[in-house]
Amino acid sequence: MGKIIFLLVYVDDIVVTGSNLQAIHQIKATLSSHFSLKDLGALHFFLGIEVVPCAIAFILSQSKYIFEILHEHSMQDSKGVPSPLSSLITLQLDEGAAPTDPKQHRAAIEKLQYLSFYTSKY
């Protein structure tokens, strides 16, 4: 079986992982000879994603990121629902409570767009 190496780069954050420890060390050494690197050890978080190693795979979770967003918007006690809005309701322009602060709403939406992982059992 060949060597499989994954190199993830986001601005100045780099993750190197794969099936061959020697190849990983070689890549790190090559990168170190050209750039100033700091090895932070085993990966725990990357871009708001928690990484939990298992025997043959990694579990990726965004639960910490979700809880931070909920807390920031005072929604930590909210209950989950299958769909946030009934498909049978017709919305009216002036119905309900006064509009929320559009800046706060945009800030929440900007953060929610990064909740991109779909979890399922294989």
PDB file of N, CA and C in Angstrom:
ATOM      1  N   MET A   1       0.836  -1.178   0.000  1.00  0.00           N
ATOM      2  CA  MET A   1       0.000   0.000   0.000  1.00  0.00           C
ATOM      3  C   MET A   1       0.881   1.242   0.000  1.00  0.00           C
ATOM      4  N   GLY A   2       0.526   2.243  -0.782  1.00  0.00           N
ATOM      5  CA  GLY A   2       1.308   3.463  -0.894  1.00  0.00           C
ATOM      6  C   GLY A   2       1.154   4.358   0.311  1.00  0.00           C
ATOM      7  N   LYS A   3       1.978   5.392   0.323  1.00  0.00           N
ATOM      8  CA  LYS A   3       1.902   6.377   1.396  1.00  0.00           C
ATOM      9  C   LYS A   3       0.799   7.379   1.078  1.00  0.00           C
ATOM     10  N   ILE A   4      -0.009   7.673   2.076  1.00  0.00           N
ATOM     11  CA  ILE A   4      -1.047   8.686   1.933  1.00  0.00           C
ATOM     12  C   ILE A   4      -0.724   9.800   2.920  1.00  0.00           C
ATOM     13  N   ILE A   5      -0.554  11.008   2.391  1.00  0.00           N
ATOM     14  CA  ILE A   5      -0.243  12.164   3.222  1.00  0.00           C
ATOM     15  C   ILE A   5      -1.270  13.259   2.916  1.00  0.00           C
ATOM     16  N   PHE A   6      -1.797  13.870   3.959  1.00  0.00           N
ATOM     17  CA  PHE A   6      -2.713  14.993   3.818  1.00  0.00           C
ATOM     18  C   PHE A   6      -2.025  16.235   4.358  1.00  0.00           C
ATOM     19  N   LEU A   7      -2.060  17.300   3.572  1.00  0.00           N
ATOM     20  CA  LEU A   7      -1.485  18.570   3.957  1.00  0.00           C
ATOM     21  C   LEU A   7      -2.595  19.606   3.840  1.00  0.00           C
ATOM     22  N   LEU A   8      -3.077  20.103   4.980  1.00  0.00           N
ATOM     23  CA  LEU A   8      -4.136  21.112   4.995  1.00  0.00           C
ATOM     24  C   LEU A   8      -3.510  22.447   5.360  1.00  0.00           C
ATOM     25  N   VAL A   9      -3.774  23.467   4.556  1.00  0.00           N
ATOM     26  CA  VAL A   9      -3.200  24.784   4.795  1.00  0.00           C
ATOM     27  C   VAL A   9      -4.312  25.816   4.821  1.00  0.00           C
ATOM     28  N   TYR A  10      -4.322  26.641   5.864  1.00  0.00           N
ATOM     29  CA  TYR A  10      -5.238  27.767   5.950  1.00  0.00           C
ATOM     30  C   TYR A  10      -4.451  28.951   6.503  1.00  0.00           C
ATOM     31  N   VAL A  11      -4.171  29.907   5.678  1.00  0.00           N
ATOM     32  CA  VAL A  11      -3.380  31.089   5.990  1.00  0.00           C
ATOM     33  C   VAL A  11      -2.035  30.655   6.584  1.00  0.00           C
ATOM     34  N   ASP A  12      -1.865  30.754   7.909  1.00  0.00           N
ATOM     35  CA  ASP A  12      -0.593  30.344   8.503  1.00  0.00           C
ATOM     36  C   ASP A  12      -0.729  29.101   9.387  1.00  0.00           C
ATOM     37  N   ASP A  13      -1.822  28.382   9.246  1.00  0.00           N
ATOM     38  CA  ASP A  13      -2.016  27.122   9.972  1.00  0.00           C
ATOM     39  C   ASP A  13      -1.851  25.963   8.999  1.00  0.00           C
ATOM     40  N   ILE A  14      -1.070  24.969   9.408  1.00  0.00           N
ATOM     41  CA  ILE A  14      -0.819  23.802   8.559  1.00  0.00           C
ATOM     42  C   ILE A  14      -1.056  22.543   9.378  1.00  0.00           C
ATOM     43  N   VAL A  15      -1.744  21.590   8.786  1.00  0.00           N
ATOM     44  CA  VAL A  15      -1.926  20.271   9.388  1.00  0.00           C
ATOM     45  C   VAL A  15      -1.310  19.257   8.432  1.00  0.00           C
ATOM     46  N   VAL A  16      -0.438  18.408   8.979  1.00  0.00           N
ATOM     47  CA  VAL A  16       0.159  17.332   8.185  1.00  0.00           C
ATOM     48  C   VAL A  16      -0.187  16.025   8.869  1.00  0.00           C
ATOM     49  N   THR A  17      -0.839  15.135   8.140  1.00  0.00           N
ATOM     50  CA  THR A  17      -1.186  13.832   8.688  1.00  0.00           C
ATOM     51  C   THR A  17      -1.159  12.810   7.563  1.00  0.00           C
ATOM     52  N   GLY A  18      -1.170  11.562   7.917  1.00  0.00           N
ATOM     53  CA  GLY A  18      -1.151  10.529   6.886  1.00  0.00           C
ATOM     54  C   GLY A  18      -0.863   9.157   7.443  1.00  0.00           C
ATOM     55  N   SER A  19      -0.575   8.243   6.527  1.00  0.00           N
ATOM     56  CA  SER A  19      -0.407   6.839   6.896  1.00  0.00           C
ATOM     57  C   SER A  19       1.040   6.457   7.184  1.00  0.00           C
ATOM     58  N   ASN A  20       1.986   7.381   6.963  1.00  0.00           N
ATOM     59  CA  ASN A  20       3.396   7.041   7.121  1.00  0.00           C
ATOM     60  C   ASN A  20       4.095   8.107   7.952  1.00  0.00           C
ATOM     61  N   LEU A  21       4.462   7.744   9.176  1.00  0.00           N
ATOM     62  CA  LEU A  21       5.069   8.689  10.108  1.00  0.00           C
ATOM     63  C   LEU A  21       6.400   9.222   9.589  1.00  0.00           C
ATOM     64  N   GLN A  22       7.186   8.397   8.951  1.00  0.00           N
ATOM     65  CA  GLN A  22       8.481   8.826   8.416  1.00  0.00           C
ATOM     66  C   GLN A  22       8.273   9.895   7.331  1.00  0.00           C
ATOM     67  N   ALA A  23       7.314   9.701   6.464  1.00  0.00           N
ATOM     68  CA  ALA A  23       7.035  10.677   5.409  1.00  0.00           C
ATOM     69  C   ALA A  23       6.536  11.992   6.013  1.00  0.00           C
ATOM     70  N   ILE A  24       5.737  11.917   7.077  1.00  0.00           N
ATOM     71  CA  ILE A  24       5.258  13.124   7.751  1.00  0.00           C
ATOM     72  C   ILE A  24       6.430  13.907   8.318  1.00  0.00           C
ATOM     73  N   HIS A  25       7.370  13.220   8.985  1.00  0.00           N
ATOM     74  CA  HIS A  25       8.551  13.884   9.543  1.00  0.00           C
ATOM     75  C   HIS A  25       9.402  14.507   8.434  1.00  0.00           C
ATOM     76  N   GLN A  26       9.494  13.833   7.307  1.00  0.00           N
ATOM     77  CA  GLN A  26      10.271  14.348   6.179  1.00  0.00           C
ATOM     78  C   GLN A  26       9.630  15.636   5.628  1.00  0.00           C
ATOM     79  N   ILE A  27       8.318  15.641   5.496  1.00  0.00           N
ATOM     80  CA  ILE A  27       7.624  16.844   5.012  1.00  0.00           C
ATOM     81  C   ILE A  27       7.815  17.997   5.994  1.00  0.00           C
ATOM     82  N   LYS A  28       7.690  17.712   7.288  1.00  0.00           N
ATOM     83  CA  LYS A  28       7.882  18.761   8.295  1.00  0.00           C
ATOM     84  C   LYS A  28       9.301  19.322   8.231  1.00  0.00           C
ATOM     85  N   ALA A  29      10.293  18.434   8.074  1.00  0.00           N
ATOM     86  CA  ALA A  29      11.688  18.876   7.994  1.00  0.00           C
ATOM     87  C   ALA A  29      11.918  19.744   6.761  1.00  0.00           C
ATOM     88  N   THR A  30      11.333  19.359   5.643  1.00  0.00           N
ATOM     89  CA  THR A  30      11.467  20.144   4.413  1.00  0.00           C
ATOM     90  C   THR A  30      10.826  21.516   4.576  1.00  0.00           C
ATOM     91  N   LEU A  31       9.627  21.549   5.141  1.00  0.00           N
ATOM     92  CA  LEU A  31       8.956  22.828   5.370  1.00  0.00           C
ATOM     93  C   LEU A  31       9.747  23.695   6.350  1.00  0.00           C
ATOM     94  N   SER A  32      10.320  23.085   7.387  1.00  0.00           N
ATOM     95  CA  SER A  32      11.106  23.816   8.388  1.00  0.00           C
ATOM     96  C   SER A  32      12.345  24.460   7.794  1.00  0.00           C
ATOM     97  N   SER A  33      12.894  23.831   6.758  1.00  0.00           N
ATOM     98  CA  SER A  33      14.098  24.392   6.148  1.00  0.00           C
ATOM     99  C   SER A  33      13.799  25.651   5.336  1.00  0.00           C
ATOM    100  N   HIS A  34      12.522  25.873   5.000  1.00  0.00           N
ATOM    101  CA  HIS A  34      12.142  27.040   4.209  1.00  0.00           C
ATOM    102  C   HIS A  34      11.309  28.060   4.990  1.00  0.00           C
ATOM    103  N   PHE A  35      10.638  27.612   6.039  1.00  0.00           N
ATOM    104  CA  PHE A  35       9.725  28.474   6.791  1.00  0.00           C
ATOM    105  C   PHE A  35       9.945  28.287   8.284  1.00  0.00           C
ATOM    106  N   SER A  36       9.557  29.296   9.046  1.00  0.00           N
ATOM    107  CA  SER A  36       9.598  29.188  10.498  1.00  0.00           C
ATOM    108  C   SER A  36       8.346  28.435  10.946  1.00  0.00           C
ATOM    109  N   LEU A  37       8.526  27.259  11.523  1.00  0.00           N
ATOM    110  CA  LEU A  37       7.396  26.427  11.938  1.00  0.00           C
ATOM    111  C   LEU A  37       7.431  26.182  13.438  1.00  0.00           C
ATOM    112  N   LYS A  38       6.264  25.975  13.990  1.00  0.00           N
ATOM    113  CA  LYS A  38       6.144  25.573  15.385  1.00  0.00           C
ATOM    114  C   LYS A  38       5.232  24.353  15.416  1.00  0.00           C
ATOM    115  N   ASP A  39       5.754  23.236  15.841  1.00  0.00           N
ATOM    116  CA  ASP A  39       4.971  22.000  15.918  1.00  0.00           C
ATOM    117  C   ASP A  39       4.189  22.011  17.224  1.00  0.00           C
ATOM    118  N   LEU A  40       2.854  22.012  17.116  1.00  0.00           N
ATOM    119  CA  LEU A  40       2.000  22.059  18.304  1.00  0.00           C
ATOM    120  C   LEU A  40       1.595  20.667  18.788  1.00  0.00           C
ATOM    121  N   GLY A  41       2.200  19.634  18.210  1.00  0.00           N
ATOM    122  CA  GLY A  41       1.903  18.280  18.646  1.00  0.00           C
ATOM    123  C   GLY A  41       0.628  17.739  18.022  1.00  0.00           C
ATOM    124  N   ALA A  42      -0.006  16.835  18.750  1.00  0.00           N
ATOM    125  CA  ALA A  42      -1.211  16.175  18.244  1.00  0.00           C
ATOM    126  C   ALA A  42      -2.320  17.199  17.988  1.00  0.00           C
ATOM    127  N   LEU A  43      -3.049  16.994  16.922  1.00  0.00           N
ATOM    128  CA  LEU A  43      -4.119  17.904  16.524  1.00  0.00           C
ATOM    129  C   LEU A  43      -5.347  17.715  17.413  1.00  0.00           C
ATOM    130  N   HIS A  44      -5.843  18.831  17.962  1.00  0.00           N
ATOM    131  CA  HIS A  44      -7.054  18.805  18.780  1.00  0.00           C
ATOM    132  C   HIS A  44      -8.150  19.675  18.169  1.00  0.00           C
ATOM    133  N   PHE A  45      -7.759  20.866  17.668  1.00  0.00           N
ATOM    134  CA  PHE A  45      -8.703  21.786  17.034  1.00  0.00           C
ATOM    135  C   PHE A  45      -8.067  22.367  15.783  1.00  0.00           C
ATOM    136  N   PHE A  46      -8.881  22.552  14.745  1.00  0.00           N
ATOM    137  CA  PHE A  46      -8.429  23.212  13.519  1.00  0.00           C
ATOM    138  C   PHE A  46      -9.624  23.912  12.899  1.00  0.00           C
ATOM    139  N   LEU A  47      -9.550  25.245  12.807  1.00  0.00           N
ATOM    140  CA  LEU A  47     -10.620  26.054  12.215  1.00  0.00           C
ATOM    141  C   LEU A  47     -11.979  25.813  12.879  1.00  0.00           C
ATOM    142  N   GLY A  48     -11.979  25.706  14.204  1.00  0.00           N
ATOM    143  CA  GLY A  48     -13.229  25.507  14.926  1.00  0.00           C
ATOM    144  C   GLY A  48     -13.725  24.076  14.935  1.00  0.00           C
ATOM    145  N   ILE A  49     -12.942  23.168  14.392  1.00  0.00           N
ATOM    146  CA  ILE A  49     -13.343  21.764  14.319  1.00  0.00           C
ATOM    147  C   ILE A  49     -12.520  20.971  15.326  1.00  0.00           C
ATOM    148  N   GLU A  50     -13.206  20.273  16.212  1.00  0.00           N
ATOM    149  CA  GLU A  50     -12.524  19.407  17.173  1.00  0.00           C
ATOM    150  C   GLU A  50     -12.170  18.102  16.476  1.00  0.00           C
ATOM    151  N   VAL A  51     -10.948  17.651  16.682  1.00  0.00           N
ATOM    152  CA  VAL A  51     -10.458  16.419  16.057  1.00  0.00           C
ATOM    153  C   VAL A  51     -10.142  15.417  17.162  1.00  0.00           C
ATOM    154  N   VAL A  52     -10.855  14.281  17.147  1.00  0.00           N
ATOM    155  CA  VAL A  52     -10.656  13.240  18.155  1.00  0.00           C
ATOM    156  C   VAL A  52     -10.156  11.986  17.449  1.00  0.00           C
ATOM    157  N   PRO A  53      -8.910  11.568  17.733  1.00  0.00           N
ATOM    158  CA  PRO A  53      -8.398  10.367  17.072  1.00  0.00           C
ATOM    159  C   PRO A  53      -9.021   9.092  17.640  1.00  0.00           C
ATOM    160  N   CYS A  54      -9.321   8.154  16.761  1.00  0.00           N
ATOM    161  CA  CYS A  54      -9.800   6.831  17.140  1.00  0.00           C
ATOM    162  C   CYS A  54      -8.824   5.810  16.569  1.00  0.00           C
ATOM    163  N   ALA A  55      -9.101   4.551  16.749  1.00  0.00           N
ATOM    164  CA  ALA A  55      -8.185   3.499  16.318  1.00  0.00           C
ATOM    165  C   ALA A  55      -7.824   3.586  14.837  1.00  0.00           C
ATOM    166  N   ILE A  56      -8.800   3.741  13.967  1.00  0.00           N
ATOM    167  CA  ILE A  56      -8.516   3.744  12.528  1.00  0.00           C
ATOM    168  C   ILE A  56      -9.002   5.003  11.812  1.00  0.00           C
ATOM    169  N   ALA A  57      -9.453   6.007  12.563  1.00  0.00           N
ATOM    170  CA  ALA A  57     -10.002   7.201  11.919  1.00  0.00           C
ATOM    171  C   ALA A  57      -9.956   8.383  12.888  1.00  0.00           C
ATOM    172  N   PHE A  58     -10.495   9.499  12.453  1.00  0.00           N
ATOM    173  CA  PHE A  58     -10.669  10.674  13.293  1.00  0.00           C
ATOM    174  C   PHE A  58     -12.156  10.997  13.356  1.00  0.00           C
ATOM    175  N   ILE A  59     -12.598  11.478  14.503  1.00  0.00           N
ATOM    176  CA  ILE A  59     -13.960  11.985  14.625  1.00  0.00           C
ATOM    177  C   ILE A  59     -13.851  13.505  14.579  1.00  0.00           C
ATOM    178  N   LEU A  60     -14.606  14.122  13.668  1.00  0.00           N
ATOM    179  CA  LEU A  60     -14.612  15.581  13.544  1.00  0.00           C
ATOM    180  C   LEU A  60     -15.908  16.106  14.136  1.00  0.00           C
ATOM    181  N   SER A  61     -15.806  17.112  14.994  1.00  0.00           N
ATOM    182  CA  SER A  61     -16.982  17.650  15.664  1.00  0.00           C
ATOM    183  C   SER A  61     -16.907  19.173  15.715  1.00  0.00           C
ATOM    184  N   GLN A  62     -18.040  19.812  15.520  1.00  0.00           N
ATOM    185  CA  GLN A  62     -18.118  21.262  15.645  1.00  0.00           C
ATOM    186  C   GLN A  62     -18.966  21.664  16.851  1.00  0.00           C
ATOM    187  N   SER A  63     -19.168  20.760  17.795  1.00  0.00           N
ATOM    188  CA  SER A  63     -20.047  21.048  18.929  1.00  0.00           C
ATOM    189  C   SER A  63     -19.545  22.220  19.766  1.00  0.00           C
ATOM    190  N   LYS A  64     -18.243  22.328  20.003  1.00  0.00           N
ATOM    191  CA  LYS A  64     -17.710  23.450  20.784  1.00  0.00           C
ATOM    192  C   LYS A  64     -17.999  24.764  20.066  1.00  0.00           C
ATOM    193  N   TYR A  65     -17.802  24.797  18.768  1.00  0.00           N
ATOM    194  CA  TYR A  65     -18.076  25.996  17.966  1.00  0.00           C
ATOM    195  C   TYR A  65     -19.557  26.356  18.028  1.00  0.00           C
ATOM    196  N   ILE A  66     -20.426  25.358  17.939  1.00  0.00           N
ATOM    197  CA  ILE A  66     -21.876  25.583  18.013  1.00  0.00           C
ATOM    198  C   ILE A  66     -22.252  26.169  19.370  1.00  0.00           C
ATOM    199  N   PHE A  67     -21.732  25.599  20.455  1.00  0.00           N
ATOM    200  CA  PHE A  67     -22.043  26.107  21.789  1.00  0.00           C
ATOM    201  C   PHE A  67     -21.542  27.535  21.986  1.00  0.00           C
ATOM    202  N   GLU A  68     -20.379  27.872  21.398  1.00  0.00           N
ATOM    203  CA  GLU A  68     -19.872  29.239  21.490  1.00  0.00           C
ATOM    204  C   GLU A  68     -20.810  30.219  20.785  1.00  0.00           C
ATOM    205  N   ILE A  69     -21.309  29.841  19.605  1.00  0.00           N
ATOM    206  CA  ILE A  69     -22.246  30.703  18.871  1.00  0.00           C
ATOM    207  C   ILE A  69     -23.541  30.869  19.666  1.00  0.00           C
ATOM    208  N   LEU A  70     -24.083  29.766  20.190  1.00  0.00           N
ATOM    209  CA  LEU A  70     -25.311  29.838  20.972  1.00  0.00           C
ATOM    210  C   LEU A  70     -25.139  30.736  22.197  1.00  0.00           C
ATOM    211  N   HIS A  71     -24.028  30.586  22.893  1.00  0.00           N
ATOM    212  CA  HIS A  71     -23.772  31.395  24.081  1.00  0.00           C
ATOM    213  C   HIS A  71     -23.630  32.877  23.712  1.00  0.00           C
ATOM    214  N   GLU A  72     -22.915  33.172  22.632  1.00  0.00           N
ATOM    215  CA  GLU A  72     -22.709  34.554  22.205  1.00  0.00           C
ATOM    216  C   GLU A  72     -24.029  35.260  21.897  1.00  0.00           C
ATOM    217  N   HIS A  73     -25.021  34.497  21.424  1.00  0.00           N
ATOM    218  CA  HIS A  73     -26.318  35.076  21.063  1.00  0.00           C
ATOM    219  C   HIS A  73     -27.405  34.752  22.092  1.00  0.00           C
ATOM    220  N   SER A  74     -26.980  34.395  23.318  1.00  0.00           N
ATOM    221  CA  SER A  74     -27.877  34.099  24.442  1.00  0.00           C
ATOM    222  C   SER A  74     -28.925  33.048  24.076  1.00  0.00           C
ATOM    223  N   MET A  75     -28.498  32.010  23.377  1.00  0.00           N
ATOM    224  CA  MET A  75     -29.409  30.942  22.961  1.00  0.00           C
ATOM    225  C   MET A  75     -28.973  29.578  23.503  1.00  0.00           C
ATOM    226  N   GLN A  76     -28.113  29.575  24.525  1.00  0.00           N
ATOM    227  CA  GLN A  76     -27.576  28.311  25.029  1.00  0.00           C
ATOM    228  C   GLN A  76     -28.639  27.389  25.623  1.00  0.00           C
ATOM    229  N   ASP A  77     -29.800  27.925  26.004  1.00  0.00           N
ATOM    230  CA  ASP A  77     -30.867  27.095  26.565  1.00  0.00           C
ATOM    231  C   ASP A  77     -31.927  26.739  25.523  1.00  0.00           C
ATOM    232  N   SER A  78     -31.674  27.041  24.271  1.00  0.00           N
ATOM    233  CA  SER A  78     -32.644  26.751  23.204  1.00  0.00           C
ATOM    234  C   SER A  78     -32.797  25.254  22.998  1.00  0.00           C
ATOM    235  N   LYS A  79     -33.954  24.861  22.549  1.00  0.00           N
ATOM    236  CA  LYS A  79     -34.244  23.455  22.261  1.00  0.00           C
ATOM    237  C   LYS A  79     -34.165  23.238  20.751  1.00  0.00           C
ATOM    238  N   GLY A  80     -33.663  22.097  20.337  1.00  0.00           N
ATOM    239  CA  GLY A  80     -33.554  21.776  18.930  1.00  0.00           C
ATOM    240  C   GLY A  80     -34.894  21.386  18.323  1.00  0.00           C
ATOM    241  N   VAL A  81     -35.044  21.657  17.039  1.00  0.00           N
ATOM    242  CA  VAL A  81     -36.235  21.268  16.290  1.00  0.00           C
ATOM    243  C   VAL A  81     -35.787  20.728  14.934  1.00  0.00           C
ATOM    244  N   PRO A  82     -36.579  19.812  14.338  1.00  0.00           N
ATOM    245  CA  PRO A  82     -36.187  19.256  13.033  1.00  0.00           C
ATOM    246  C   PRO A  82     -36.129  20.319  11.933  1.00  0.00           C
ATOM    247  N   SER A  83     -37.035  21.285  11.991  1.00  0.00           N
ATOM    248  CA  SER A  83     -37.065  22.372  11.004  1.00  0.00           C
ATOM    249  C   SER A  83     -37.384  23.662  11.755  1.00  0.00           C
ATOM    250  N   PRO A  84     -36.620  24.718  11.515  1.00  0.00           N
ATOM    251  CA  PRO A  84     -36.854  25.940  12.282  1.00  0.00           C
ATOM    252  C   PRO A  84     -38.128  26.688  11.913  1.00  0.00           C
ATOM    253  N   LEU A  85     -38.781  26.318  10.819  1.00  0.00           N
ATOM    254  CA  LEU A  85     -39.968  27.037  10.389  1.00  0.00           C
ATOM    255  C   LEU A  85     -40.927  26.079   9.713  1.00  0.00           C
ATOM    256  N   SER A  86     -42.166  26.156  10.078  1.00  0.00           N
ATOM    257  CA  SER A  86     -43.188  25.311   9.463  1.00  0.00           C
ATOM    258  C   SER A  86     -43.362  25.698   8.002  1.00  0.00           C
ATOM    259  N   SER A  87     -43.493  24.721   7.139  1.00  0.00           N
ATOM    260  CA  SER A  87     -43.701  24.997   5.714  1.00  0.00           C
ATOM    261  C   SER A  87     -45.150  25.383   5.426  1.00  0.00           C
ATOM    262  N   LEU A  88     -46.032  25.291   6.436  1.00  0.00           N
ATOM    263  CA  LEU A  88     -47.444  25.615   6.257  1.00  0.00           C
ATOM    264  C   LEU A  88     -47.778  27.074   6.593  1.00  0.00           C
ATOM    265  N   ILE A  89     -46.834  27.800   7.179  1.00  0.00           N
ATOM    266  CA  ILE A  89     -47.077  29.173   7.613  1.00  0.00           C
ATOM    267  C   ILE A  89     -46.745  30.142   6.478  1.00  0.00           C
ATOM    268  N   THR A  90     -47.610  31.131   6.283  1.00  0.00           N
ATOM    269  CA  THR A  90     -47.341  32.216   5.342  1.00  0.00           C
ATOM    270  C   THR A  90     -46.898  33.420   6.162  1.00  0.00           C
ATOM    271  N   LEU A  91     -45.722  33.936   5.885  1.00  0.00           N
ATOM    272  CA  LEU A  91     -45.195  35.059   6.643  1.00  0.00           C
ATOM    273  C   LEU A  91     -45.789  36.369   6.149  1.00  0.00           C
ATOM    274  N   GLN A  92     -46.034  37.268   7.099  1.00  0.00           N
ATOM    275  CA  GLN A  92     -46.539  38.604   6.793  1.00  0.00           C
ATOM    276  C   GLN A  92     -45.438  39.612   7.106  1.00  0.00           C
ATOM    277  N   LEU A  93     -45.421  40.725   6.394  1.00  0.00           N
ATOM    278  CA  LEU A  93     -44.377  41.721   6.548  1.00  0.00           C
ATOM    279  C   LEU A  93     -44.295  42.278   7.967  1.00  0.00           C
ATOM    280  N   ASP A  94     -45.410  42.612   8.595  1.00  0.00           N
ATOM    281  CA  ASP A  94     -45.410  43.254   9.905  1.00  0.00           C
ATOM    282  C   ASP A  94     -45.881  42.327  11.017  1.00  0.00           C
ATOM    283  N   GLU A  95     -45.744  41.045  10.852  1.00  0.00           N
ATOM    284  CA  GLU A  95     -46.225  40.085  11.844  1.00  0.00           C
ATOM    285  C   GLU A  95     -45.162  39.814  12.898  1.00  0.00           C
ATOM    286  N   GLY A  96     -45.574  39.648  14.141  1.00  0.00           N
ATOM    287  CA  GLY A  96     -44.654  39.222  15.189  1.00  0.00           C
ATOM    288  C   GLY A  96     -43.955  40.369  15.881  1.00  0.00           C
ATOM    289  N   ALA A  97     -42.835  40.045  16.508  1.00  0.00           N
ATOM    290  CA  ALA A  97     -42.080  41.006  17.303  1.00  0.00           C
ATOM    291  C   ALA A  97     -41.339  41.994  16.406  1.00  0.00           C
ATOM    292  N   ALA A  98     -40.839  43.034  17.045  1.00  0.00           N
ATOM    293  CA  ALA A  98     -40.050  44.034  16.316  1.00  0.00           C
ATOM    294  C   ALA A  98     -38.807  43.375  15.721  1.00  0.00           C
ATOM    295  N   PRO A  99     -38.327  43.892  14.599  1.00  0.00           N
ATOM    296  CA  PRO A  99     -37.147  43.295  13.964  1.00  0.00           C
ATOM    297  C   PRO A  99     -35.937  43.309  14.895  1.00  0.00           C
ATOM    298  N   THR A 100     -35.115  42.306  14.768  1.00  0.00           N
ATOM    299  CA  THR A 100     -33.895  42.234  15.564  1.00  0.00           C
ATOM    300  C   THR A 100     -32.833  43.127  14.936  1.00  0.00           C
ATOM    301  N   ASP A 101     -31.774  43.341  15.664  1.00  0.00           N
ATOM    302  CA  ASP A 101     -30.660  44.143  15.170  1.00  0.00           C
ATOM    303  C   ASP A 101     -30.040  43.446  13.959  1.00  0.00           C
ATOM    304  N   PRO A 102     -30.051  44.068  12.790  1.00  0.00           N
ATOM    305  CA  PRO A 102     -29.526  43.406  11.590  1.00  0.00           C
ATOM    306  C   PRO A 102     -28.042  43.067  11.695  1.00  0.00           C
ATOM    307  N   LYS A 103     -27.262  43.870  12.435  1.00  0.00           N
ATOM    308  CA  LYS A 103     -25.828  43.570  12.600  1.00  0.00           C
ATOM    309  C   LYS A 103     -25.641  42.261  13.366  1.00  0.00           C
ATOM    310  N   GLN A 104     -26.428  42.098  14.420  1.00  0.00           N
ATOM    311  CA  GLN A 104     -26.339  40.871  15.225  1.00  0.00           C
ATOM    312  C   GLN A 104     -26.780  39.668  14.395  1.00  0.00           C
ATOM    313  N   HIS A 105     -27.834  39.840  13.621  1.00  0.00           N
ATOM    314  CA  HIS A 105     -28.338  38.756  12.770  1.00  0.00           C
ATOM    315  C   HIS A 105     -27.280  38.353  11.738  1.00  0.00           C
ATOM    316  N   ARG A 106     -26.652  39.328  11.068  1.00  0.00           N
ATOM    317  CA  ARG A 106     -25.613  39.031  10.071  1.00  0.00           C
ATOM    318  C   ARG A 106     -24.421  38.336  10.713  1.00  0.00           C
ATOM    319  N   ALA A 107     -24.042  38.780  11.920  1.00  0.00           N
ATOM    320  CA  ALA A 107     -22.905  38.165  12.614  1.00  0.00           C
ATOM    321  C   ALA A 107     -23.182  36.692  12.898  1.00  0.00           C
ATOM    322  N   ALA A 108     -24.405  36.387  13.320  1.00  0.00           N
ATOM    323  CA  ALA A 108     -24.775  34.992  13.589  1.00  0.00           C
ATOM    324  C   ALA A 108     -24.756  34.172  12.304  1.00  0.00           C
ATOM    325  N   ILE A 109     -25.315  34.712  11.224  1.00  0.00           N
ATOM    326  CA  ILE A 109     -25.357  34.000   9.946  1.00  0.00           C
ATOM    327  C   ILE A 109     -23.952  33.749   9.423  1.00  0.00           C
ATOM    328  N   GLU A 110     -23.052  34.734   9.552  1.00  0.00           N
ATOM    329  CA  GLU A 110     -21.671  34.563   9.095  1.00  0.00           C
ATOM    330  C   GLU A 110     -20.999  33.394   9.811  1.00  0.00           C
ATOM    331  N   LYS A 111     -21.273  33.252  11.099  1.00  0.00           N
ATOM    332  CA  LYS A 111     -20.678  32.144  11.849  1.00  0.00           C
ATOM    333  C   LYS A 111     -21.352  30.814  11.534  1.00  0.00           C
ATOM    334  N   LEU A 112     -22.652  30.837  11.333  1.00  0.00           N
ATOM    335  CA  LEU A 112     -23.379  29.602  11.048  1.00  0.00           C
ATOM    336  C   LEU A 112     -23.002  29.000   9.703  1.00  0.00           C
ATOM    337  N   GLN A 113     -22.520  29.816   8.772  1.00  0.00           N
ATOM    338  CA  GLN A 113     -22.160  29.284   7.460  1.00  0.00           C
ATOM    339  C   GLN A 113     -21.000  28.294   7.539  1.00  0.00           C
ATOM    340  N   TYR A 114     -20.225  28.338   8.625  1.00  0.00           N
ATOM    341  CA  TYR A 114     -19.111  27.416   8.781  1.00  0.00           C
ATOM    342  C   TYR A 114     -19.518  26.075   9.405  1.00  0.00           C
ATOM    343  N   LEU A 115     -20.795  25.934   9.722  1.00  0.00           N
ATOM    344  CA  LEU A 115     -21.275  24.649  10.233  1.00  0.00           C
ATOM    345  C   LEU A 115     -21.595  23.761   9.031  1.00  0.00           C
ATOM    346  N   SER A 116     -20.563  23.228   8.459  1.00  0.00           N
ATOM    347  CA  SER A 116     -20.722  22.534   7.186  1.00  0.00           C
ATOM    348  C   SER A 116     -20.614  21.023   7.283  1.00  0.00           C
ATOM    349  N   PHE A 117     -20.261  20.512   8.421  1.00  0.00           N
ATOM    350  CA  PHE A 117     -20.090  19.067   8.530  1.00  0.00           C
ATOM    351  C   PHE A 117     -21.401  18.369   8.817  1.00  0.00           C
ATOM    352  N   TYR A 118     -21.682  17.371   8.053  1.00  0.00           N
ATOM    353  CA  TYR A 118     -22.862  16.547   8.253  1.00  0.00           C
ATOM    354  C   TYR A 118     -22.385  15.246   8.866  1.00  0.00           C
ATOM    355  N   THR A 119     -22.939  14.878  10.007  1.00  0.00           N
ATOM    356  CA  THR A 119     -22.521  13.648  10.649  1.00  0.00           C
ATOM    357  C   THR A 119     -23.485  12.534  10.305  1.00  0.00           C
ATOM    358  N   SER A 120     -22.946  11.391  10.046  1.00  0.00           N
ATOM    359  CA  SER A 120     -23.755  10.213   9.777  1.00  0.00           C
ATOM    360  C   SER A 120     -22.952   8.985  10.148  1.00  0.00           C
ATOM    361  N   LYS A 121     -23.641   7.877  10.324  1.00  0.00           N
ATOM    362  CA  LYS A 121     -22.971   6.619  10.647  1.00  0.00           C
ATOM    363  C   LYS A 121     -22.693   5.873   9.342  1.00  0.00           C
ATOM    364  N   TYR A 122     -21.515   5.304   9.269  1.00  0.00           N
ATOM    365  CA  TYR A 122     -21.145   4.529   8.074  1.00  0.00           C
ATOM    366  C   TYR A 122     -21.174   3.052   8.387  1.00  0.00           C
TER     367      TYR A 122
END
